[in-house]
Amino acid sequence: MSDDLELLTTEEVAEIVKVQAATVRSWINQGKLPAIDLDGSYRIYRQDLKEFLAQRYKRGGQADKKKQEE
């Protein structure tokens, strides 16, 4: 099985991204993070987690932009 097809629990995802499992469940319930519902116990493909994080990746903030403009 490819690493990208590996299924992760909400607890494993929470540990990877350093948030609470409740936050991961919230992302799932809001439709932000795709997951498989196994009778209330969610599983997340590692590839879906990678894509979720990549979509939220930001390089530099407003402070960085202001410094560059000066």
N, C-alpha and C. Protein backbone atom coordinates (compact mmCIF):
# COMPACT_ATOMS: atom_id res chain seq x y z
N MET A 1 0.84 -1.18 0.00
CA MET A 1 0.00 0.00 0.00
C MET A 1 0.89 1.25 0.00
N SER A 2 0.50 2.20 -0.82
CA SER A 2 1.23 3.47 -0.88
C SER A 2 1.04 4.23 0.42
N ASP A 3 2.07 4.98 0.82
CA ASP A 3 1.96 5.80 2.03
C ASP A 3 0.79 6.78 1.94
N ASP A 4 0.54 7.31 0.72
CA ASP A 4 -0.55 8.28 0.54
C ASP A 4 -1.91 7.64 0.77
N LEU A 5 -2.03 6.31 0.60
CA LEU A 5 -3.30 5.62 0.82
C LEU A 5 -3.46 5.14 2.25
N GLU A 6 -2.46 5.40 3.08
CA GLU A 6 -2.53 5.02 4.49
C GLU A 6 -3.67 5.79 5.16
N LEU A 7 -4.44 5.10 5.96
CA LEU A 7 -5.53 5.74 6.69
C LEU A 7 -5.05 6.13 8.09
N LEU A 8 -5.38 7.34 8.49
CA LEU A 8 -5.01 7.87 9.81
C LEU A 8 -6.26 8.12 10.63
N THR A 9 -6.15 7.95 11.93
CA THR A 9 -7.25 8.31 12.83
C THR A 9 -7.21 9.82 13.10
N THR A 10 -8.29 10.33 13.68
CA THR A 10 -8.30 11.76 14.03
C THR A 10 -7.21 12.06 15.05
N GLU A 11 -6.95 11.11 15.94
CA GLU A 11 -5.91 11.31 16.95
C GLU A 11 -4.52 11.36 16.31
N GLU A 12 -4.29 10.52 15.31
CA GLU A 12 -3.00 10.54 14.62
C GLU A 12 -2.81 11.84 13.85
N VAL A 13 -3.86 12.29 13.18
CA VAL A 13 -3.79 13.56 12.46
C VAL A 13 -3.53 14.70 13.45
N ALA A 14 -4.23 14.69 14.57
CA ALA A 14 -4.04 15.73 15.59
C ALA A 14 -2.60 15.76 16.08
N GLU A 15 -2.02 14.59 16.28
CA GLU A 15 -0.62 14.52 16.74
C GLU A 15 0.33 15.07 15.67
N ILE A 16 0.06 14.75 14.41
CA ILE A 16 0.93 15.21 13.31
C ILE A 16 0.93 16.72 13.22
N VAL A 17 -0.26 17.34 13.30
CA VAL A 17 -0.35 18.80 13.10
C VAL A 17 -0.38 19.59 14.41
N LYS A 18 -0.23 18.88 15.53
CA LYS A 18 -0.12 19.51 16.85
C LYS A 18 -1.36 20.32 17.23
N VAL A 19 -2.54 19.68 17.07
CA VAL A 19 -3.80 20.26 17.51
C VAL A 19 -4.57 19.20 18.28
N GLN A 20 -5.69 19.57 18.85
CA GLN A 20 -6.55 18.63 19.56
C GLN A 20 -7.34 17.80 18.55
N ALA A 21 -7.68 16.56 18.92
CA ALA A 21 -8.49 15.70 18.05
C ALA A 21 -9.84 16.36 17.74
N ALA A 22 -10.37 17.12 18.69
CA ALA A 22 -11.64 17.82 18.47
C ALA A 22 -11.53 18.82 17.32
N THR A 23 -10.37 19.42 17.16
CA THR A 23 -10.14 20.36 16.06
C THR A 23 -10.19 19.62 14.73
N VAL A 24 -9.58 18.45 14.68
CA VAL A 24 -9.60 17.64 13.46
C VAL A 24 -11.03 17.24 13.12
N ARG A 25 -11.79 16.82 14.13
CA ARG A 25 -13.19 16.46 13.90
C ARG A 25 -13.99 17.67 13.42
N SER A 26 -13.68 18.83 13.93
CA SER A 26 -14.34 20.05 13.48
C SER A 26 -14.05 20.33 12.01
N TRP A 27 -12.79 20.18 11.59
CA TRP A 27 -12.43 20.37 10.18
C TRP A 27 -13.22 19.40 9.30
N ILE A 28 -13.36 18.16 9.77
CA ILE A 28 -14.10 17.14 9.03
C ILE A 28 -15.58 17.55 8.94
N ASN A 29 -16.17 17.91 10.06
CA ASN A 29 -17.59 18.28 10.10
C ASN A 29 -17.89 19.52 9.27
N GLN A 30 -16.91 20.41 9.13
CA GLN A 30 -17.08 21.63 8.33
C GLN A 30 -16.82 21.37 6.85
N GLY A 31 -16.40 20.16 6.51
CA GLY A 31 -16.12 19.81 5.12
C GLY A 31 -14.76 20.29 4.64
N LYS A 32 -13.90 20.71 5.54
CA LYS A 32 -12.57 21.19 5.17
C LYS A 32 -11.58 20.06 4.93
N LEU A 33 -11.73 18.98 5.68
CA LEU A 33 -10.82 17.84 5.60
C LEU A 33 -11.63 16.59 5.25
N PRO A 34 -11.39 15.99 4.09
CA PRO A 34 -12.14 14.78 3.72
C PRO A 34 -11.81 13.64 4.67
N ALA A 35 -12.83 12.82 4.94
CA ALA A 35 -12.63 11.68 5.83
C ALA A 35 -13.65 10.59 5.51
N ILE A 36 -13.31 9.39 5.90
CA ILE A 36 -14.21 8.25 5.79
C ILE A 36 -14.87 8.06 7.14
N ASP A 37 -16.20 8.01 7.16
CA ASP A 37 -16.95 7.82 8.40
C ASP A 37 -17.24 6.34 8.60
N LEU A 38 -16.61 5.75 9.59
CA LEU A 38 -16.83 4.35 9.93
C LEU A 38 -17.65 4.30 11.21
N ASP A 39 -18.96 4.53 11.07
CA ASP A 39 -19.88 4.55 12.21
C ASP A 39 -19.43 5.52 13.29
N GLY A 40 -19.08 6.75 12.87
CA GLY A 40 -18.70 7.79 13.82
C GLY A 40 -17.22 7.86 14.14
N SER A 41 -16.48 6.90 13.67
CA SER A 41 -15.03 6.90 13.85
C SER A 41 -14.41 7.23 12.50
N TYR A 42 -13.75 8.38 12.42
CA TYR A 42 -13.24 8.86 11.14
C TYR A 42 -11.85 8.32 10.82
N ARG A 43 -11.60 8.17 9.50
CA ARG A 43 -10.27 7.84 9.00
C ARG A 43 -9.96 8.82 7.87
N ILE A 44 -8.72 9.28 7.84
CA ILE A 44 -8.29 10.28 6.87
C ILE A 44 -7.13 9.71 6.07
N TYR A 45 -7.25 9.80 4.74
CA TYR A 45 -6.12 9.38 3.91
C TYR A 45 -4.97 10.35 4.12
N ARG A 46 -3.75 9.83 4.22
CA ARG A 46 -2.58 10.67 4.41
C ARG A 46 -2.46 11.69 3.28
N GLN A 47 -2.79 11.30 2.04
CA GLN A 47 -2.72 12.21 0.92
C GLN A 47 -3.72 13.37 1.09
N ASP A 48 -4.90 13.08 1.60
CA ASP A 48 -5.88 14.14 1.84
C ASP A 48 -5.37 15.12 2.90
N LEU A 49 -4.69 14.61 3.91
CA LEU A 49 -4.10 15.48 4.92
C LEU A 49 -3.02 16.36 4.29
N LYS A 50 -2.18 15.77 3.44
CA LYS A 50 -1.13 16.55 2.77
C LYS A 50 -1.74 17.67 1.94
N GLU A 51 -2.81 17.37 1.20
CA GLU A 51 -3.46 18.38 0.37
C GLU A 51 -4.12 19.46 1.22
N PHE A 52 -4.75 19.06 2.31
CA PHE A 52 -5.37 19.99 3.25
C PHE A 52 -4.33 20.98 3.77
N LEU A 53 -3.18 20.48 4.18
CA LEU A 53 -2.13 21.35 4.71
C LEU A 53 -1.52 22.22 3.62
N ALA A 54 -1.34 21.67 2.44
CA ALA A 54 -0.76 22.44 1.33
C ALA A 54 -1.66 23.62 0.95
N GLN A 55 -2.97 23.43 0.99
CA GLN A 55 -3.91 24.49 0.66
C GLN A 55 -3.85 25.62 1.68
N ARG A 56 -3.43 25.32 2.87
CA ARG A 56 -3.38 26.32 3.93
C ARG A 56 -2.00 26.91 4.15
N TYR A 57 -1.04 26.42 3.39
CA TYR A 57 0.34 26.90 3.54
C TYR A 57 0.44 28.33 3.04
N LYS A 58 1.02 29.18 3.85
CA LYS A 58 1.23 30.57 3.47
C LYS A 58 2.69 30.91 3.70
N ARG A 59 3.27 31.52 2.74
CA ARG A 59 4.67 31.93 2.87
C ARG A 59 4.69 33.43 3.10
N GLY A 60 5.12 33.82 4.27
CA GLY A 60 5.19 35.25 4.60
C GLY A 60 3.82 35.80 4.94
N GLY A 61 3.79 36.74 5.82
CA GLY A 61 2.54 37.37 6.23
C GLY A 61 2.53 38.83 5.81
N GLN A 62 1.55 39.56 6.29
CA GLN A 62 1.43 40.98 5.97
C GLN A 62 2.66 41.75 6.45
N ALA A 63 3.17 41.40 7.61
CA ALA A 63 4.36 42.10 8.13
C ALA A 63 5.53 41.91 7.18
N ASP A 64 5.69 40.70 6.64
CA ASP A 64 6.77 40.43 5.69
C ASP A 64 6.60 41.26 4.43
N LYS A 65 5.38 41.41 3.93
CA LYS A 65 5.13 42.18 2.72
C LYS A 65 5.45 43.67 2.95
N LYS A 66 5.08 44.19 4.12
CA LYS A 66 5.35 45.59 4.43
C LYS A 66 6.85 45.84 4.46
N LYS A 67 7.60 44.92 5.04
CA LYS A 67 9.06 45.06 5.11
C LYS A 67 9.66 45.07 3.71
N GLN A 68 9.13 44.25 2.83
CA GLN A 68 9.66 44.18 1.47
C GLN A 68 9.35 45.46 0.69
N GLU A 69 8.21 46.10 0.99
CA GLU A 69 7.83 47.32 0.28
C GLU A 69 8.65 48.51 0.73
N GLU A 70 9.20 48.49 1.93
CA GLU A 70 9.96 49.63 2.48
C GLU A 70 11.32 49.76 1.86
